[in-house]
C-alpha atoms as a PDB file:
ATOM      1  CA  UNK A   1     -48.675 -29.434  30.580  1.00  0.00           C
ATOM      2  CA  UNK A   2     -46.901 -32.509  32.303  1.00  0.00           C
ATOM      3  CA  UNK A   3     -47.353 -35.980  31.640  1.00  0.00           C
ATOM      4  CA  UNK A   4     -49.954 -37.233  34.511  1.00  0.00           C
ATOM      5  CA  UNK A   5     -48.759 -40.756  35.598  1.00  0.00           C
ATOM      6  CA  UNK A   6     -51.693 -41.610  37.626  1.00  0.00           C
ATOM      7  CA  UNK A   7     -52.359 -45.590  39.390  1.00  0.00           C
ATOM      8  CA  UNK A   8     -54.739 -47.408  37.071  1.00  0.00           C
ATOM      9  CA  UNK A   9     -57.710 -46.915  39.988  1.00  0.00           C
ATOM     10  CA  UNK A  10     -57.724 -43.051  39.634  1.00  0.00           C
ATOM     11  CA  UNK A  11     -60.115 -40.853  37.354  1.00  0.00           C
ATOM     12  CA  UNK A  12     -58.785 -37.986  35.290  1.00  0.00           C
ATOM     13  CA  UNK A  13     -61.233 -34.839  34.768  1.00  0.00           C
ATOM     14  CA  UNK A  14     -61.291 -31.964  32.675  1.00  0.00           C
ATOM     15  CA  UNK A  15     -61.889 -28.562  34.508  1.00  0.00           C
ATOM     16  CA  UNK A  16     -63.577 -26.584  31.806  1.00  0.00           C
ATOM     17  CA  UNK A  17     -63.816 -22.820  32.192  1.00  0.00           C
ATOM     18  CA  UNK A  18     -65.357 -20.094  30.659  1.00  0.00           C
ATOM     19  CA  UNK A  19     -64.081 -16.462  31.919  1.00  0.00           C
ATOM     20  CA  UNK A  20     -63.857 -12.673  30.778  1.00  0.00           C
ATOM     21  CA  UNK A  21     -61.196 -12.004  28.301  1.00  0.00           C
ATOM     22  CA  UNK A  22     -58.060 -11.370  29.860  1.00  0.00           C
ATOM     23  CA  UNK A  23     -58.833 -13.562  33.190  1.00  0.00           C
ATOM     24  CA  UNK A  24     -57.352 -17.201  31.693  1.00  0.00           C
ATOM     25  CA  UNK A  25     -54.188 -17.073  32.677  1.00  0.00           C
ATOM     26  CA  UNK A  26     -55.373 -15.416  36.174  1.00  0.00           C
ATOM     27  CA  UNK A  27     -57.298 -18.912  36.535  1.00  0.00           C
ATOM     28  CA  UNK A  28     -54.401 -21.363  35.235  1.00  0.00           C
ATOM     29  CA  UNK A  29     -52.256 -19.693  38.406  1.00  0.00           C
ATOM     30  CA  UNK A  30     -54.804 -20.604  40.831  1.00  0.00           C
ATOM     31  CA  UNK A  31     -55.341 -24.002  39.587  1.00  0.00           C
ATOM     32  CA  UNK A  32     -51.749 -24.546  39.558  1.00  0.00           C
ATOM     33  CA  UNK A  33     -51.322 -23.552  43.514  1.00  0.00           C
ATOM     34  CA  UNK A  34     -54.013 -26.745  43.701  1.00  0.00           C
ATOM     35  CA  UNK A  35     -51.480 -29.209  42.400  1.00  0.00           C
ATOM     36  CA  UNK A  36     -53.036 -28.900  38.686  1.00  0.00           C
ATOM     37  CA  UNK A  37     -49.775 -29.197  36.680  1.00  0.00           C
ATOM     38  CA  UNK A  38     -51.176 -26.684  34.025  1.00  0.00           C
ATOM     39  CA  UNK A  39     -53.718 -25.744  31.216  1.00  0.00           C
ATOM     40  CA  UNK A  40     -54.550 -24.636  27.759  1.00  0.00           C
ATOM     41  CA  UNK A  41     -56.532 -20.923  27.424  1.00  0.00           C
ATOM     42  CA  UNK A  42     -58.603 -20.550  24.206  1.00  0.00           C
ATOM     43  CA  UNK A  43     -60.764 -18.315  22.516  1.00  0.00           C
ATOM     44  CA  UNK A  44     -64.160 -19.253  21.313  1.00  0.00           C
ATOM     45  CA  UNK A  45     -66.818 -18.422  18.769  1.00  0.00           C
ATOM     46  CA  UNK A  46     -70.128 -20.171  18.484  1.00  0.00           C
ATOM     47  CA  UNK A  47     -71.651 -21.448  15.691  1.00  0.00           C
ATOM     48  CA  UNK A  48     -75.418 -20.705  15.775  1.00  0.00           C
ATOM     49  CA  UNK A  49     -77.063 -18.340  18.422  1.00  0.00           C
ATOM     50  CA  UNK A  50     -79.667 -20.124  20.206  1.00  0.00           C
ATOM     51  CA  UNK A  51     -80.315 -19.760  24.569  1.00  0.00           C
ATOM     52  CA  UNK A  52     -77.720 -22.803  25.554  1.00  0.00           C
ATOM     53  CA  UNK A  53     -74.739 -21.107  23.542  1.00  0.00           C
ATOM     54  CA  UNK A  54     -76.128 -17.809  25.496  1.00  0.00           C
ATOM     55  CA  UNK A  55     -76.736 -19.896  28.765  1.00  0.00           C
ATOM     56  CA  UNK A  56     -73.113 -20.865  28.473  1.00  0.00           C
ATOM     57  CA  UNK A  57     -71.742 -17.607  27.540  1.00  0.00           C
ATOM     58  CA  UNK A  58     -70.122 -18.626  24.856  1.00  0.00           C
ATOM     59  CA  UNK A  59     -71.692 -16.343  22.148  1.00  0.00           C
ATOM     60  CA  UNK A  60     -69.545 -13.721  23.392  1.00  0.00           C
ATOM     61  CA  UNK A  61     -65.924 -13.693  21.169  1.00  0.00           C
ATOM     62  CA  UNK A  62     -64.461 -11.587  24.074  1.00  0.00           C
ATOM     63  CA  UNK A  63     -64.245 -14.947  25.946  1.00  0.00           C
ATOM     64  CA  UNK A  64     -61.461 -17.251  27.129  1.00  0.00           C
ATOM     65  CA  UNK A  65     -61.938 -20.623  27.650  1.00  0.00           C
ATOM     66  CA  UNK A  66     -59.863 -22.533  30.193  1.00  0.00           C
ATOM     67  CA  UNK A  67     -58.831 -26.191  29.693  1.00  0.00           C
ATOM     68  CA  UNK A  68     -57.281 -27.848  32.372  1.00  0.00           C
ATOM     69  CA  UNK A  69     -56.668 -32.147  33.573  1.00  0.00           C
ATOM     70  CA  UNK A  70     -56.091 -33.255  36.654  1.00  0.00           C
ATOM     71  CA  UNK A  71     -56.669 -36.429  39.399  1.00  0.00           C
ATOM     72  CA  UNK A  72     -60.534 -36.395  40.206  1.00  0.00           C
ATOM     73  CA  UNK A  73     -59.653 -35.176  43.805  1.00  0.00           C
ATOM     74  CA  UNK A  74     -57.143 -32.656  42.861  1.00  0.00           C
ATOM     75  CA  UNK A  75     -59.973 -31.396  40.163  1.00  0.00           C
ATOM     76  CA  UNK A  76     -62.605 -31.009  42.563  1.00  0.00           C
ATOM     77  CA  UNK A  77     -60.199 -29.288  44.821  1.00  0.00           C
ATOM     78  CA  UNK A  78     -59.506 -26.949  42.247  1.00  0.00           C
ATOM     79  CA  UNK A  79     -62.545 -25.896  41.379  1.00  0.00           C
ATOM     80  CA  UNK A  80     -63.741 -24.806  44.692  1.00  0.00           C
ATOM     81  CA  UNK A  81     -60.823 -22.971  45.062  1.00  0.00           C
ATOM     82  CA  UNK A  82     -61.695 -21.343  41.672  1.00  0.00           C
ATOM     83  CA  UNK A  83     -64.768 -20.690  42.254  1.00  0.00           C
ATOM     84  CA  UNK A  84     -64.122 -18.821  45.893  1.00  0.00           C
ATOM     85  CA  UNK A  85     -61.230 -16.751  44.405  1.00  0.00           C
ATOM     86  CA  UNK A  86     -62.850 -15.796  41.230  1.00  0.00           C
ATOM     87  CA  UNK A  87     -66.231 -15.553  42.603  1.00  0.00           C
ATOM     88  CA  UNK A  88     -68.252 -17.491  40.003  1.00  0.00           C
ATOM     89  CA  UNK A  89     -71.178 -17.028  42.083  1.00  0.00           C
ATOM     90  CA  UNK A  90     -71.543 -13.708  41.089  1.00  0.00           C
ATOM     91  CA  UNK A  91     -73.327 -13.192  37.422  1.00  0.00           C
ATOM     92  CA  UNK A  92     -71.052 -12.614  34.558  1.00  0.00           C
ATOM     93  CA  UNK A  93     -67.783 -13.740  36.708  1.00  0.00           C
ATOM     94  CA  UNK A  94     -67.407 -16.795  34.481  1.00  0.00           C
ATOM     95  CA  UNK A  95     -68.866 -20.417  34.716  1.00  0.00           C
ATOM     96  CA  UNK A  96     -66.739 -23.750  35.401  1.00  0.00           C
ATOM     97  CA  UNK A  97     -67.750 -27.214  34.363  1.00  0.00           C
ATOM     98  CA  UNK A  98     -66.187 -30.429  35.242  1.00  0.00           C
ATOM     99  CA  UNK A  99     -65.944 -33.828  32.900  1.00  0.00           C
ATOM    100  CA  UNK A 100     -65.090 -37.436  33.526  1.00  0.00           C
ATOM    101  CA  UNK A 101     -62.940 -38.496  30.258  1.00  0.00           C
ATOM    102  CA  UNK A 102     -65.285 -41.013  28.237  1.00  0.00           C
ATOM    103  CA  UNK A 103     -63.390 -41.780  25.595  1.00  0.00           C
ATOM    104  CA  UNK A 104     -60.669 -41.030  23.283  1.00  0.00           C
ATOM    105  CA  UNK A 105     -60.174 -41.523  19.265  1.00  0.00           C
ATOM    106  CA  UNK A 106     -57.412 -41.299  17.081  1.00  0.00           C
ATOM    107  CA  UNK A 107     -53.994 -41.212  19.201  1.00  0.00           C
ATOM    108  CA  UNK A 108     -51.991 -44.024  18.569  1.00  0.00           C
ATOM    109  CA  UNK A 109     -50.228 -43.525  22.424  1.00  0.00           C
ATOM    110  CA  UNK A 110     -53.695 -43.542  24.202  1.00  0.00           C
ATOM    111  CA  UNK A 111     -56.215 -46.565  22.818  1.00  0.00           C
ATOM    112  CA  UNK A 112     -59.694 -46.185  23.077  1.00  0.00           C
ATOM    113  CA  UNK A 113     -61.062 -47.404  25.915  1.00  0.00           C
ATOM    114  CA  UNK A 114     -64.216 -47.999  28.161  1.00  0.00           C
ATOM    115  CA  UNK A 115     -63.340 -45.930  31.174  1.00  0.00           C
ATOM    116  CA  UNK A 116     -67.442 -46.153  32.697  1.00  0.00           C
ATOM    117  CA  UNK A 117     -66.590 -49.798  33.889  1.00  0.00           C
ATOM    118  CA  UNK A 118     -63.768 -48.070  36.085  1.00  0.00           C
ATOM    119  CA  UNK A 119     -66.323 -45.388  37.186  1.00  0.00           C
ATOM    120  CA  UNK A 120     -69.224 -47.532  37.800  1.00  0.00           C
ATOM    121  CA  UNK A 121     -72.517 -47.056  36.174  1.00  0.00           C
ATOM    122  CA  UNK A 122     -73.675 -43.422  36.054  1.00  0.00           C
ATOM    123  CA  UNK A 123     -77.356 -41.908  34.907  1.00  0.00           C
ATOM    124  CA  UNK A 124     -75.176 -39.167  32.737  1.00  0.00           C
ATOM    125  CA  UNK A 125     -77.710 -36.966  30.889  1.00  0.00           C
ATOM    126  CA  UNK A 126     -75.297 -34.623  28.611  1.00  0.00           C
ATOM    127  CA  UNK A 127     -71.894 -35.174  27.123  1.00  0.00           C
ATOM    128  CA  UNK A 128     -69.517 -32.900  25.617  1.00  0.00           C
ATOM    129  CA  UNK A 129     -67.955 -34.314  22.307  1.00  0.00           C
ATOM    130  CA  UNK A 130     -64.405 -32.497  21.447  1.00  0.00           C
ATOM    131  CA  UNK A 131     -62.833 -32.469  18.096  1.00  0.00           C
ATOM    132  CA  UNK A 132     -59.481 -31.222  17.007  1.00  0.00           C
ATOM    133  CA  UNK A 133     -58.631 -30.911  13.270  1.00  0.00           C
ATOM    134  CA  UNK A 134     -56.604 -28.538  11.291  1.00  0.00           C
ATOM    135  CA  UNK A 135     -57.375 -25.111  10.722  1.00  0.00           C
ATOM    136  CA  UNK A 136     -60.324 -24.842   8.640  1.00  0.00           C
ATOM    137  CA  UNK A 137     -61.891 -28.210   8.806  1.00  0.00           C
ATOM    138  CA  UNK A 138     -64.148 -27.287  11.958  1.00  0.00           C
ATOM    139  CA  UNK A 139     -67.180 -26.280   9.908  1.00  0.00           C
ATOM    140  CA  UNK A 140     -66.752 -29.650   8.418  1.00  0.00           C
ATOM    141  CA  UNK A 141     -67.076 -31.099  11.587  1.00  0.00           C
ATOM    142  CA  UNK A 142     -70.083 -28.906  12.955  1.00  0.00           C
ATOM    143  CA  UNK A 143     -71.865 -30.024   9.167  1.00  0.00           C
ATOM    144  CA  UNK A 144     -71.267 -33.880   9.978  1.00  0.00           C
ATOM    145  CA  UNK A 145     -72.730 -33.420  13.721  1.00  0.00           C
ATOM    146  CA  UNK A 146     -75.810 -31.693  12.652  1.00  0.00           C
ATOM    147  CA  UNK A 147     -77.022 -34.315  10.315  1.00  0.00           C
ATOM    148  CA  UNK A 148     -76.682 -36.616  13.369  1.00  0.00           C
ATOM    149  CA  UNK A 149     -78.866 -34.261  15.508  1.00  0.00           C
ATOM    150  CA  UNK A 150     -76.338 -32.019  17.171  1.00  0.00           C
ATOM    151  CA  UNK A 151     -77.638 -28.610  16.799  1.00  0.00           C
ATOM    152  CA  UNK A 152     -74.671 -26.667  16.659  1.00  0.00           C
ATOM    153  CA  UNK A 153     -71.379 -26.300  18.446  1.00  0.00           C
ATOM    154  CA  UNK A 154     -68.724 -23.693  19.252  1.00  0.00           C
ATOM    155  CA  UNK A 155     -65.317 -23.415  17.641  1.00  0.00           C
ATOM    156  CA  UNK A 156     -62.054 -22.708  19.373  1.00  0.00           C
ATOM    157  CA  UNK A 157     -58.937 -21.648  18.165  1.00  0.00           C
ATOM    158  CA  UNK A 158     -55.990 -22.303  20.515  1.00  0.00           C
ATOM    159  CA  UNK A 159     -52.831 -20.831  22.202  1.00  0.00           C
ATOM    160  CA  UNK A 160     -50.829 -22.218  25.058  1.00  0.00           C
ATOM    161  CA  UNK A 161     -50.730 -20.767  28.466  1.00  0.00           C
ATOM    162  CA  UNK A 162     -46.997 -20.123  28.843  1.00  0.00           C
ATOM    163  CA  UNK A 163     -44.555 -19.238  26.219  1.00  0.00           C
ATOM    164  CA  UNK A 164     -41.774 -21.472  27.835  1.00  0.00           C
ATOM    165  CA  UNK A 165     -43.679 -24.481  28.006  1.00  0.00           C
ATOM    166  CA  UNK A 166     -44.632 -26.827  25.393  1.00  0.00           C
ATOM    167  CA  UNK A 167     -48.618 -27.109  26.313  1.00  0.00           C
ATOM    168  CA  UNK A 168     -50.812 -30.415  25.428  1.00  0.00           C
ATOM    169  CA  UNK A 169     -53.537 -32.118  25.790  1.00  0.00           C
ATOM    170  CA  UNK A 170     -53.531 -35.686  25.948  1.00  0.00           C
ATOM    171  CA  UNK A 171     -50.333 -35.707  24.609  1.00  0.00           C
ATOM    172  CA  UNK A 172     -51.468 -33.920  21.352  1.00  0.00           C
ATOM    173  CA  UNK A 173     -49.991 -30.457  20.778  1.00  0.00           C
ATOM    174  CA  UNK A 174     -52.597 -27.968  20.883  1.00  0.00           C
ATOM    175  CA  UNK A 175     -51.104 -25.063  17.845  1.00  0.00           C
ATOM    176  CA  UNK A 176     -52.663 -21.895  16.508  1.00  0.00           C
ATOM    177  CA  UNK A 177     -52.955 -23.520  13.307  1.00  0.00           C
ATOM    178  CA  UNK A 178     -55.459 -26.122  15.202  1.00  0.00           C
ATOM    179  CA  UNK A 179     -59.468 -26.052  15.745  1.00  0.00           C
ATOM    180  CA  UNK A 180     -61.313 -27.373  18.343  1.00  0.00           C
ATOM    181  CA  UNK A 181     -64.891 -28.227  18.077  1.00  0.00           C
ATOM    182  CA  UNK A 182     -66.843 -28.718  21.164  1.00  0.00           C
ATOM    183  CA  UNK A 183     -70.378 -30.185  20.717  1.00  0.00           C
ATOM    184  CA  UNK A 184     -72.812 -30.175  24.130  1.00  0.00           C
ATOM    185  CA  UNK A 185     -75.620 -32.679  23.580  1.00  0.00           C
ATOM    186  CA  UNK A 186     -77.744 -35.731  24.936  1.00  0.00           C
ATOM    187  CA  UNK A 187     -75.742 -38.652  25.906  1.00  0.00           C
ATOM    188  CA  UNK A 188     -78.394 -40.627  23.609  1.00  0.00           C
ATOM    189  CA  UNK A 189     -77.316 -38.864  20.827  1.00  0.00           C
ATOM    190  CA  UNK A 190     -73.267 -39.125  21.102  1.00  0.00           C
ATOM    191  CA  UNK A 191     -72.809 -42.097  19.591  1.00  0.00           C
ATOM    192  CA  UNK A 192     -74.469 -41.194  16.304  1.00  0.00           C
ATOM    193  CA  UNK A 193     -72.936 -37.786  16.265  1.00  0.00           C
ATOM    194  CA  UNK A 194     -69.062 -39.363  16.754  1.00  0.00           C
ATOM    195  CA  UNK A 195     -69.810 -41.777  14.043  1.00  0.00           C
ATOM    196  CA  UNK A 196     -70.928 -39.166  11.695  1.00  0.00           C
ATOM    197  CA  UNK A 197     -67.897 -37.062  12.222  1.00  0.00           C
ATOM    198  CA  UNK A 198     -65.469 -40.173  12.432  1.00  0.00           C
ATOM    199  CA  UNK A 199     -66.865 -40.959   8.652  1.00  0.00           C
ATOM    200  CA  UNK A 200     -67.298 -37.182   7.042  1.00  0.00           C
ATOM    201  CA  UNK A 201     -63.482 -36.308   8.271  1.00  0.00           C
ATOM    202  CA  UNK A 202     -62.001 -40.008   7.855  1.00  0.00           C
ATOM    203  CA  UNK A 203     -60.622 -39.348  11.386  1.00  0.00           C
ATOM    204  CA  UNK A 204     -59.139 -42.608  12.191  1.00  0.00           C
ATOM    205  CA  UNK A 205     -56.719 -41.690   9.061  1.00  0.00           C
ATOM    206  CA  UNK A 206     -53.162 -40.241  10.497  1.00  0.00           C
ATOM    207  CA  UNK A 207     -53.322 -36.878  10.901  1.00  0.00           C
ATOM    208  CA  UNK A 208     -57.106 -36.548  10.331  1.00  0.00           C
ATOM    209  CA  UNK A 209     -57.621 -35.043  14.173  1.00  0.00           C
ATOM    210  CA  UNK A 210     -58.391 -36.669  17.443  1.00  0.00           C
ATOM    211  CA  UNK A 211     -62.031 -37.074  19.173  1.00  0.00           C
ATOM    212  CA  UNK A 212     -62.577 -37.365  22.786  1.00  0.00           C
ATOM    213  CA  UNK A 213     -65.622 -37.493  24.990  1.00  0.00           C
ATOM    214  CA  UNK A 214     -66.218 -36.129  28.453  1.00  0.00           C
ATOM    215  CA  UNK A 215     -69.327 -36.676  30.766  1.00  0.00           C
ATOM    216  CA  UNK A 216     -70.752 -33.533  32.356  1.00  0.00           C
ATOM    217  CA  UNK A 217     -70.171 -33.586  36.081  1.00  0.00           C
ATOM    218  CA  UNK A 218     -70.111 -30.625  38.151  1.00  0.00           C
ATOM    219  CA  UNK A 219     -70.929 -27.098  37.814  1.00  0.00           C
ATOM    220  CA  UNK A 220     -70.436 -23.619  38.951  1.00  0.00           C
ATOM    221  CA  UNK A 221     -71.418 -20.174  38.018  1.00  0.00           C
ATOM    222  CA  UNK A 222     -74.425 -21.324  36.022  1.00  0.00           C
ATOM    223  CA  UNK A 223     -77.641 -19.565  36.562  1.00  0.00           C
END
């Protein structure tokens, strides 16, 4: 993914799509036509069986999760096009969500900062906590989050969307030996969940991983 050089007053959003197996590369191609610079396609598995995971279609291992970062206007335009081209309004064709970047921990080149002031106060009901760790440590992340009130999460193994490109997310390579944990939670629980993960995983030590938090904004394909 190319580095995004944006003015300070522009907002970044993450597009997260869950599509049928084999459709991830097509989604990235469509998004690139809308000026999204690239993406990462990953496979996911749920850590628990409950209605939330079934609602998000993450309980089926034959799904691909597409992660793409773009400036807000570009992201909204890409979402509209993806919704139309992939017929997300039809059942079982996939879902798409967009998130605002709220915070980033554990990466020295991109220090933690409060972006809520730039976006303005919003009534955010849910947030997504993403943690990237070495392979084999994801279950420890889940256990730490559960102690703080989380009801589970999704463990994702990553691969790049192109063989001739170095795919990164926030300038950190997403490699096969890494695991990403995605936890959707109420915004009131986010701080306690992040604190528990940081303490148990020692996320502030070099090489232990990163945590970033996203506000849930738009959704497509949810019923």
